[in-house]
Amino acid sequence: MRQVAAVLALVLSMLAVADAQQPAATAEPSVILPKELARVLTDYETAWQAKDAAALARLFAEDGYVLPNGGTPVKGRAAIEKFYTGHGGPLSLRAIAFASDGNVGYILGGYASKAGEPDIGKFTLTLRKDTSGRWQIVSDMDSANQRPKPPQAGW
């Protein structure tokens, strides 16, 4: 059993070294969004920075989803507001790709604590225009750029 643990520890340490030697991913360049799509990101940043869960929830379609990294889906404005209550702080969003066709669209991007800092994660927003022509978030999915750390051997 000790040999198995020793081999496992060796393999995990080799994987950690190999991962550390991988070149850092080059960030995708930012793209400039049309005004009506840029508003979605700026309103999101403003509400997140203010820790305003109600304002964040209003950015979503009534049947919208938050698909958090490592969490279960959250559906509907009321549930989204509850989910975001108590969350927020420094945030800078940037777009790396977008498209829209009629009443549907998407924005792909990265996020950091401050503008100009390297991305610490990425996101996908799917969007739909409401009856007034305003873009709303149908789904917001994000994930951190950092990989989970492998378990420590010590058995």
N, C-alpha and C. Protein backbone atom coordinates (compact mmCIF):
# COMPACT_ATOMS: atom_id res chain seq x y z
N MET A 1 0.83 -1.19 0.00
CA MET A 1 0.00 0.00 0.00
C MET A 1 0.87 1.25 0.00
N ARG A 2 2.00 1.20 0.73
CA ARG A 2 2.89 2.36 0.76
C ARG A 2 3.49 2.63 -0.61
N GLN A 3 3.75 1.57 -1.38
CA GLN A 3 4.29 1.77 -2.73
C GLN A 3 3.28 2.46 -3.62
N VAL A 4 2.01 2.08 -3.49
CA VAL A 4 0.96 2.71 -4.28
C VAL A 4 0.87 4.20 -3.93
N ALA A 5 0.91 4.50 -2.63
CA ALA A 5 0.85 5.89 -2.20
C ALA A 5 2.06 6.67 -2.70
N ALA A 6 3.23 6.06 -2.68
CA ALA A 6 4.43 6.73 -3.14
C ALA A 6 4.37 6.99 -4.64
N VAL A 7 3.89 6.01 -5.40
CA VAL A 7 3.76 6.19 -6.85
C VAL A 7 2.73 7.28 -7.15
N LEU A 8 1.60 7.26 -6.43
CA LEU A 8 0.58 8.28 -6.63
C LEU A 8 1.13 9.66 -6.32
N ALA A 9 1.86 9.79 -5.23
CA ALA A 9 2.45 11.08 -4.87
C ALA A 9 3.43 11.54 -5.94
N LEU A 10 4.23 10.64 -6.48
CA LEU A 10 5.19 10.97 -7.52
C LEU A 10 4.47 11.44 -8.79
N VAL A 11 3.44 10.70 -9.20
CA VAL A 11 2.68 11.08 -10.40
C VAL A 11 2.04 12.46 -10.22
N LEU A 12 1.42 12.69 -9.06
CA LEU A 12 0.80 13.99 -8.81
C LEU A 12 1.81 15.11 -8.82
N SER A 13 3.00 14.88 -8.25
CA SER A 13 4.01 15.94 -8.25
C SER A 13 4.53 16.17 -9.66
N MET A 14 4.65 15.13 -10.48
CA MET A 14 5.09 15.31 -11.87
C MET A 14 4.04 16.09 -12.66
N LEU A 15 2.76 15.80 -12.42
CA LEU A 15 1.70 16.55 -13.09
C LEU A 15 1.72 18.01 -12.69
N ALA A 16 1.95 18.27 -11.42
CA ALA A 16 2.00 19.66 -10.95
C ALA A 16 3.16 20.41 -11.58
N VAL A 17 4.32 19.76 -11.69
CA VAL A 17 5.49 20.38 -12.32
C VAL A 17 5.21 20.62 -13.80
N ALA A 18 4.64 19.61 -14.48
CA ALA A 18 4.34 19.76 -15.91
C ALA A 18 3.35 20.89 -16.12
N ASP A 19 2.34 20.99 -15.27
CA ASP A 19 1.35 22.05 -15.39
C ASP A 19 1.99 23.41 -15.17
N ALA A 20 2.89 23.51 -14.20
CA ALA A 20 3.56 24.78 -13.90
C ALA A 20 4.47 25.20 -15.05
N GLN A 21 4.98 24.22 -15.84
CA GLN A 21 5.89 24.54 -16.94
C GLN A 21 5.16 24.90 -18.22
N GLN A 22 3.84 24.73 -18.26
CA GLN A 22 3.08 25.11 -19.43
C GLN A 22 3.14 26.63 -19.60
N PRO A 23 3.30 27.09 -20.82
CA PRO A 23 3.31 28.55 -21.00
C PRO A 23 1.96 29.14 -20.61
N ALA A 24 2.01 30.35 -20.07
CA ALA A 24 0.78 31.04 -19.68
C ALA A 24 -0.06 31.29 -20.93
N ALA A 25 -1.34 31.09 -20.79
CA ALA A 25 -2.25 31.32 -21.91
C ALA A 25 -2.26 32.80 -22.26
N THR A 26 -2.18 33.06 -23.54
CA THR A 26 -2.26 34.44 -24.00
C THR A 26 -3.72 34.85 -24.00
N ALA A 27 -3.99 35.99 -23.45
CA ALA A 27 -5.37 36.48 -23.38
C ALA A 27 -5.86 36.82 -24.78
N GLU A 28 -7.09 36.47 -25.03
CA GLU A 28 -7.74 36.89 -26.27
C GLU A 28 -7.86 38.41 -26.25
N PRO A 29 -7.70 39.06 -27.39
CA PRO A 29 -7.85 40.51 -27.39
C PRO A 29 -9.30 40.92 -27.16
N SER A 30 -9.48 42.05 -26.54
CA SER A 30 -10.82 42.59 -26.32
C SER A 30 -11.41 43.08 -27.63
N VAL A 31 -12.73 43.05 -27.70
CA VAL A 31 -13.44 43.61 -28.84
C VAL A 31 -14.36 44.72 -28.33
N ILE A 32 -14.68 45.64 -29.21
CA ILE A 32 -15.59 46.73 -28.86
C ILE A 32 -17.01 46.29 -29.19
N LEU A 33 -17.88 46.39 -28.20
CA LEU A 33 -19.27 45.99 -28.36
C LEU A 33 -20.11 47.15 -28.88
N PRO A 34 -21.16 46.84 -29.64
CA PRO A 34 -22.14 47.89 -29.95
C PRO A 34 -22.73 48.43 -28.65
N LYS A 35 -23.15 49.67 -28.67
CA LYS A 35 -23.62 50.37 -27.47
C LYS A 35 -24.65 49.57 -26.67
N GLU A 36 -25.64 48.98 -27.34
CA GLU A 36 -26.70 48.28 -26.62
C GLU A 36 -26.21 47.00 -25.95
N LEU A 37 -25.17 46.37 -26.49
CA LEU A 37 -24.58 45.20 -25.83
C LEU A 37 -23.60 45.63 -24.73
N ALA A 38 -22.85 46.70 -24.99
CA ALA A 38 -21.91 47.21 -23.98
C ALA A 38 -22.66 47.60 -22.70
N ARG A 39 -23.89 48.11 -22.85
CA ARG A 39 -24.70 48.48 -21.69
C ARG A 39 -24.89 47.30 -20.75
N VAL A 40 -25.06 46.11 -21.29
CA VAL A 40 -25.26 44.92 -20.44
C VAL A 40 -24.04 44.75 -19.52
N LEU A 41 -22.85 44.85 -20.09
CA LEU A 41 -21.64 44.67 -19.28
C LEU A 41 -21.44 45.80 -18.28
N THR A 42 -21.64 47.03 -18.70
CA THR A 42 -21.44 48.15 -17.78
C THR A 42 -22.47 48.13 -16.65
N ASP A 43 -23.73 47.80 -16.97
CA ASP A 43 -24.75 47.70 -15.92
C ASP A 43 -24.42 46.56 -14.95
N TYR A 44 -23.91 45.45 -15.48
CA TYR A 44 -23.53 44.32 -14.64
C TYR A 44 -22.40 44.73 -13.68
N GLU A 45 -21.36 45.35 -14.24
CA GLU A 45 -20.24 45.81 -13.40
C GLU A 45 -20.73 46.76 -12.30
N THR A 46 -21.55 47.72 -12.68
CA THR A 46 -22.04 48.72 -11.73
C THR A 46 -22.82 48.07 -10.60
N ALA A 47 -23.72 47.17 -10.94
CA ALA A 47 -24.54 46.51 -9.92
C ALA A 47 -23.68 45.59 -9.04
N TRP A 48 -22.73 44.87 -9.65
CA TRP A 48 -21.86 43.97 -8.87
C TRP A 48 -21.00 44.78 -7.91
N GLN A 49 -20.41 45.85 -8.40
CA GLN A 49 -19.56 46.69 -7.56
C GLN A 49 -20.33 47.28 -6.39
N ALA A 50 -21.61 47.59 -6.61
CA ALA A 50 -22.45 48.17 -5.55
C ALA A 50 -23.08 47.10 -4.66
N LYS A 51 -22.82 45.83 -4.97
CA LYS A 51 -23.43 44.70 -4.24
C LYS A 51 -24.96 44.83 -4.23
N ASP A 52 -25.49 45.23 -5.40
CA ASP A 52 -26.92 45.47 -5.57
C ASP A 52 -27.56 44.27 -6.26
N ALA A 53 -27.98 43.29 -5.47
CA ALA A 53 -28.55 42.06 -6.01
C ALA A 53 -29.82 42.32 -6.81
N ALA A 54 -30.63 43.27 -6.38
CA ALA A 54 -31.87 43.58 -7.10
C ALA A 54 -31.56 44.13 -8.50
N ALA A 55 -30.58 45.01 -8.60
CA ALA A 55 -30.20 45.57 -9.90
C ALA A 55 -29.61 44.48 -10.80
N LEU A 56 -28.82 43.59 -10.23
CA LEU A 56 -28.29 42.48 -11.01
C LEU A 56 -29.42 41.63 -11.56
N ALA A 57 -30.37 41.28 -10.71
CA ALA A 57 -31.48 40.42 -11.13
C ALA A 57 -32.29 41.07 -12.25
N ARG A 58 -32.44 42.39 -12.22
CA ARG A 58 -33.20 43.08 -13.26
C ARG A 58 -32.53 43.02 -14.63
N LEU A 59 -31.24 42.69 -14.67
CA LEU A 59 -30.55 42.55 -15.95
C LEU A 59 -30.94 41.25 -16.66
N PHE A 60 -31.55 40.33 -15.92
CA PHE A 60 -31.89 39.02 -16.44
C PHE A 60 -33.32 38.99 -16.96
N ALA A 61 -33.55 38.15 -17.95
CA ALA A 61 -34.92 37.85 -18.39
C ALA A 61 -35.64 37.20 -17.21
N GLU A 62 -36.95 37.32 -17.17
CA GLU A 62 -37.73 36.74 -16.07
C GLU A 62 -37.42 35.25 -15.90
N ASP A 63 -37.15 34.55 -17.02
CA ASP A 63 -36.85 33.11 -16.97
C ASP A 63 -35.34 32.85 -17.11
N GLY A 64 -34.52 33.86 -16.78
CA GLY A 64 -33.07 33.74 -16.94
C GLY A 64 -32.43 32.79 -15.95
N TYR A 65 -31.19 32.43 -16.25
CA TYR A 65 -30.41 31.51 -15.43
C TYR A 65 -29.06 32.11 -15.06
N VAL A 66 -28.59 31.78 -13.87
CA VAL A 66 -27.18 31.92 -13.50
C VAL A 66 -26.66 30.50 -13.40
N LEU A 67 -25.55 30.25 -14.09
CA LEU A 67 -24.92 28.93 -14.10
C LEU A 67 -23.54 29.08 -13.47
N PRO A 68 -23.48 29.10 -12.12
CA PRO A 68 -22.22 29.41 -11.45
C PRO A 68 -21.21 28.27 -11.54
N ASN A 69 -19.95 28.67 -11.54
CA ASN A 69 -18.85 27.71 -11.54
C ASN A 69 -18.95 26.83 -10.30
N GLY A 70 -19.06 25.54 -10.49
CA GLY A 70 -19.10 24.61 -9.36
C GLY A 70 -20.42 24.59 -8.61
N GLY A 71 -21.46 25.23 -9.15
CA GLY A 71 -22.74 25.28 -8.45
C GLY A 71 -23.88 24.81 -9.34
N THR A 72 -25.05 24.73 -8.76
CA THR A 72 -26.23 24.30 -9.50
C THR A 72 -26.89 25.52 -10.16
N PRO A 73 -27.64 25.31 -11.25
CA PRO A 73 -28.31 26.42 -11.92
C PRO A 73 -29.30 27.14 -11.01
N VAL A 74 -29.38 28.45 -11.20
CA VAL A 74 -30.32 29.30 -10.47
C VAL A 74 -31.24 29.90 -11.52
N LYS A 75 -32.56 29.69 -11.40
CA LYS A 75 -33.49 30.13 -12.44
C LYS A 75 -34.49 31.15 -11.90
N GLY A 76 -34.70 32.21 -12.68
CA GLY A 76 -35.71 33.21 -12.39
C GLY A 76 -35.16 34.39 -11.61
N ARG A 77 -35.72 35.56 -11.85
CA ARG A 77 -35.23 36.79 -11.23
C ARG A 77 -35.22 36.74 -9.71
N ALA A 78 -36.29 36.23 -9.11
CA ALA A 78 -36.35 36.20 -7.64
C ALA A 78 -35.24 35.32 -7.08
N ALA A 79 -35.03 34.16 -7.67
CA ALA A 79 -33.98 33.26 -7.20
C ALA A 79 -32.59 33.84 -7.47
N ILE A 80 -32.44 34.53 -8.61
CA ILE A 80 -31.16 35.16 -8.94
C ILE A 80 -30.85 36.27 -7.94
N GLU A 81 -31.85 37.09 -7.60
CA GLU A 81 -31.63 38.14 -6.61
C GLU A 81 -31.20 37.53 -5.27
N LYS A 82 -31.88 36.48 -4.85
CA LYS A 82 -31.52 35.81 -3.59
C LYS A 82 -30.10 35.25 -3.66
N PHE A 83 -29.77 34.63 -4.80
CA PHE A 83 -28.44 34.05 -4.99
C PHE A 83 -27.34 35.12 -4.90
N TYR A 84 -27.58 36.28 -5.51
CA TYR A 84 -26.57 37.34 -5.53
C TYR A 84 -26.54 38.19 -4.26
N THR A 85 -27.52 38.07 -3.39
CA THR A 85 -27.54 38.86 -2.17
C THR A 85 -26.27 38.58 -1.35
N GLY A 86 -25.58 39.66 -1.00
CA GLY A 86 -24.35 39.54 -0.22
C GLY A 86 -23.10 39.34 -1.06
N HIS A 87 -23.26 39.28 -2.38
CA HIS A 87 -22.10 39.11 -3.26
C HIS A 87 -21.83 40.40 -4.01
N GLY A 88 -20.60 40.55 -4.42
CA GLY A 88 -20.20 41.70 -5.22
C GLY A 88 -18.85 42.21 -4.79
N GLY A 89 -18.42 43.29 -5.42
CA GLY A 89 -17.13 43.88 -5.13
C GLY A 89 -16.47 44.32 -6.42
N PRO A 90 -15.15 44.49 -6.39
CA PRO A 90 -14.44 44.95 -7.58
C PRO A 90 -14.64 43.99 -8.75
N LEU A 91 -14.90 44.55 -9.92
CA LEU A 91 -15.11 43.73 -11.12
C LEU A 91 -14.88 44.56 -12.36
N SER A 92 -14.18 43.95 -13.31
CA SER A 92 -14.00 44.53 -14.63
C SER A 92 -14.30 43.45 -15.66
N LEU A 93 -15.25 43.70 -16.53
CA LEU A 93 -15.63 42.76 -17.58
C LEU A 93 -15.11 43.26 -18.91
N ARG A 94 -14.70 42.33 -19.76
CA ARG A 94 -14.30 42.70 -21.11
C ARG A 94 -14.78 41.64 -22.08
N ALA A 95 -15.18 42.06 -23.24
CA ALA A 95 -15.68 41.15 -24.26
C ALA A 95 -14.54 40.69 -25.15
N ILE A 96 -14.60 39.41 -25.53
CA ILE A 96 -13.62 38.87 -26.51
C ILE A 96 -14.32 38.43 -27.79
N ALA A 97 -15.65 38.26 -27.73
CA ALA A 97 -16.42 37.90 -28.92
C ALA A 97 -17.89 38.20 -28.64
N PHE A 98 -18.65 38.42 -29.71
CA PHE A 98 -20.09 38.65 -29.56
C PHE A 98 -20.75 38.42 -30.90
N ALA A 99 -22.02 38.23 -30.86
CA ALA A 99 -22.84 38.16 -32.07
C ALA A 99 -24.28 38.39 -31.66
N SER A 100 -25.07 38.84 -32.61
CA SER A 100 -26.50 38.94 -32.41
C SER A 100 -27.19 38.72 -33.74
N ASP A 101 -28.38 38.17 -33.67
CA ASP A 101 -29.18 37.92 -34.85
C ASP A 101 -30.64 38.08 -34.44
N GLY A 102 -31.23 39.17 -34.86
CA GLY A 102 -32.60 39.44 -34.46
C GLY A 102 -32.69 39.71 -32.97
N ASN A 103 -33.45 38.87 -32.27
CA ASN A 103 -33.69 39.07 -30.83
C ASN A 103 -32.82 38.22 -29.93
N VAL A 104 -31.82 37.54 -30.48
CA VAL A 104 -30.93 36.72 -29.66
C VAL A 104 -29.48 37.12 -29.91
N GLY A 105 -28.64 36.90 -28.91
CA GLY A 105 -27.23 37.22 -29.04
C GLY A 105 -26.42 36.61 -27.92
N TYR A 106 -25.13 36.85 -27.98
CA TYR A 106 -24.24 36.38 -26.92
C TYR A 106 -23.04 37.30 -26.80
N ILE A 107 -22.44 37.25 -25.62
CA ILE A 107 -21.16 37.91 -25.37
C ILE A 107 -20.28 36.90 -24.66
N LEU A 108 -19.06 36.72 -25.16
CA LEU A 108 -18.05 35.91 -24.49
C LEU A 108 -17.02 36.89 -23.94
N GLY A 109 -16.48 36.61 -22.76
CA GLY A 109 -15.52 37.54 -22.22
C GLY A 109 -14.71 37.02 -21.07
N GLY A 110 -13.93 37.91 -20.52
CA GLY A 110 -13.10 37.62 -19.36
C GLY A 110 -13.39 38.63 -18.27
N TYR A 111 -13.03 38.25 -17.04
CA TYR A 111 -13.24 39.18 -15.93
C TYR A 111 -12.01 39.23 -15.05
N ALA A 112 -11.85 40.39 -14.41
CA ALA A 112 -10.75 40.64 -13.49
C ALA A 112 -11.30 41.55 -12.39
N SER A 113 -10.49 41.77 -11.37
CA SER A 113 -10.89 42.69 -10.31
C SER A 113 -10.81 44.13 -10.76
N LYS A 114 -9.81 44.45 -11.60
CA LYS A 114 -9.62 45.82 -12.08
C LYS A 114 -9.33 45.79 -13.58
N ALA A 115 -9.76 46.83 -14.26
CA ALA A 115 -9.47 46.96 -15.69
C ALA A 115 -7.97 46.94 -15.92
N GLY A 116 -7.55 46.22 -16.95
CA GLY A 116 -6.13 46.14 -17.29
C GLY A 116 -5.39 45.01 -16.61
N GLU A 117 -5.98 44.41 -15.57
CA GLU A 117 -5.34 43.25 -14.93
C GLU A 117 -5.62 42.01 -15.75
N PRO A 118 -4.78 40.97 -15.60
CA PRO A 118 -5.06 39.71 -16.32
C PRO A 118 -6.39 39.12 -15.87
N ASP A 119 -7.07 38.48 -16.81
CA ASP A 119 -8.33 37.82 -16.49
C ASP A 119 -8.11 36.75 -15.42
N ILE A 120 -9.04 36.70 -14.47
CA ILE A 120 -9.02 35.62 -13.48
C ILE A 120 -10.10 34.59 -13.80
N GLY A 121 -10.93 34.89 -14.80
CA GLY A 121 -11.97 33.97 -15.21
C GLY A 121 -12.58 34.40 -16.53
N LYS A 122 -13.54 33.59 -16.98
CA LYS A 122 -14.21 33.89 -18.24
C LYS A 122 -15.70 33.66 -18.07
N PHE A 123 -16.47 34.22 -19.02
CA PHE A 123 -17.93 34.11 -18.92
C PHE A 123 -18.54 34.02 -20.31
N THR A 124 -19.75 33.51 -20.31
CA THR A 124 -20.61 33.50 -21.48
C THR A 124 -21.96 34.07 -21.07
N LEU A 125 -22.40 35.09 -21.74
CA LEU A 125 -23.75 35.62 -21.54
C LEU A 125 -24.55 35.32 -22.80
N THR A 126 -25.69 34.64 -22.64
CA THR A 126 -26.62 34.55 -23.75
C THR A 126 -27.70 35.59 -23.49
N LEU A 127 -28.15 36.21 -24.56
CA LEU A 127 -29.01 37.38 -24.45
C LEU A 127 -30.26 37.25 -25.31
N ARG A 128 -31.29 37.97 -24.90
CA ARG A 128 -32.53 38.04 -25.67
C ARG A 128 -33.10 39.45 -25.48
N LYS A 129 -33.62 40.01 -26.55
CA LYS A 129 -34.26 41.33 -26.44
C LYS A 129 -35.65 41.15 -25.86
N ASP A 130 -36.01 42.06 -24.95
CA ASP A 130 -37.38 42.05 -24.42
C ASP A 130 -38.28 42.80 -25.40
N THR A 131 -39.54 42.95 -25.05
CA THR A 131 -40.50 43.58 -25.97
C THR A 131 -40.19 45.06 -26.25
N SER A 132 -39.41 45.68 -25.35
CA SER A 132 -39.03 47.08 -25.57
C SER A 132 -37.74 47.20 -26.40
N GLY A 133 -37.11 46.06 -26.73
CA GLY A 133 -35.87 46.08 -27.50
C GLY A 133 -34.61 46.12 -26.66
N ARG A 134 -34.75 46.01 -25.34
CA ARG A 134 -33.60 46.04 -24.43
C ARG A 134 -33.06 44.62 -24.25
N TRP A 135 -31.72 44.48 -24.36
CA TRP A 135 -31.09 43.18 -24.18
C TRP A 135 -31.16 42.76 -22.71
N GLN A 136 -31.55 41.52 -22.49
CA GLN A 136 -31.57 40.93 -21.15
C GLN A 136 -30.76 39.64 -21.17
N ILE A 137 -30.24 39.29 -20.02
CA ILE A 137 -29.44 38.07 -19.90
C ILE A 137 -30.38 36.88 -19.74
N VAL A 138 -30.20 35.88 -20.60
CA VAL A 138 -30.95 34.63 -20.49
C VAL A 138 -30.13 33.64 -19.67
N SER A 139 -28.82 33.64 -19.88
CA SER A 139 -27.96 32.80 -19.04
C SER A 139 -26.60 33.47 -18.87
N ASP A 140 -26.07 33.29 -17.69
CA ASP A 140 -24.76 33.82 -17.30
C ASP A 140 -23.97 32.65 -16.73
N MET A 141 -22.94 32.23 -17.46
CA MET A 141 -22.11 31.12 -17.01
C MET A 141 -20.67 31.61 -16.91
N ASP A 142 -20.04 31.35 -15.78
CA ASP A 142 -18.66 31.77 -15.60
C ASP A 142 -17.83 30.64 -15.03
N SER A 143 -16.53 30.76 -15.19
CA SER A 143 -15.60 29.81 -14.58
C SER A 143 -14.26 30.51 -14.36
N ALA A 144 -13.60 30.09 -13.30
CA ALA A 144 -12.29 30.63 -12.97
C ALA A 144 -11.24 30.09 -13.93
N ASN A 145 -10.18 30.84 -14.14
CA ASN A 145 -9.10 30.39 -15.01
C ASN A 145 -8.16 29.41 -14.30
N GLN A 146 -8.15 29.43 -13.01
CA GLN A 146 -7.24 28.57 -12.26
C GLN A 146 -7.84 27.18 -12.14
N ARG A 147 -7.02 26.17 -12.42
CA ARG A 147 -7.44 24.79 -12.27
C ARG A 147 -7.49 24.42 -10.79
N PRO A 148 -8.39 23.50 -10.44
CA PRO A 148 -8.38 23.02 -9.05
C PRO A 148 -7.05 22.34 -8.76
N LYS A 149 -6.59 22.49 -7.54
CA LYS A 149 -5.33 21.87 -7.14
C LYS A 149 -5.57 20.37 -6.92
N PRO A 150 -4.59 19.53 -7.33
CA PRO A 150 -4.75 18.09 -7.11
C PRO A 150 -4.72 17.78 -5.61
N PRO A 151 -5.38 16.70 -5.21
CA PRO A 151 -5.36 16.34 -3.78
C PRO A 151 -3.95 16.02 -3.31
N GLN A 152 -3.69 16.36 -2.08
CA GLN A 152 -2.37 16.10 -1.50
C GLN A 152 -2.28 14.64 -1.06
N ALA A 153 -1.20 13.98 -1.40
CA ALA A 153 -0.96 12.62 -0.94
C ALA A 153 -0.52 12.68 0.52
N GLY A 154 -0.98 11.81 1.29
CA GLY A 154 -0.58 11.81 2.68
C GLY A 154 -1.29 10.71 3.45
N TRP A 155 -1.56 9.68 2.75
CA TRP A 155 -2.22 8.58 3.43
C TRP A 155 -1.25 7.58 3.76
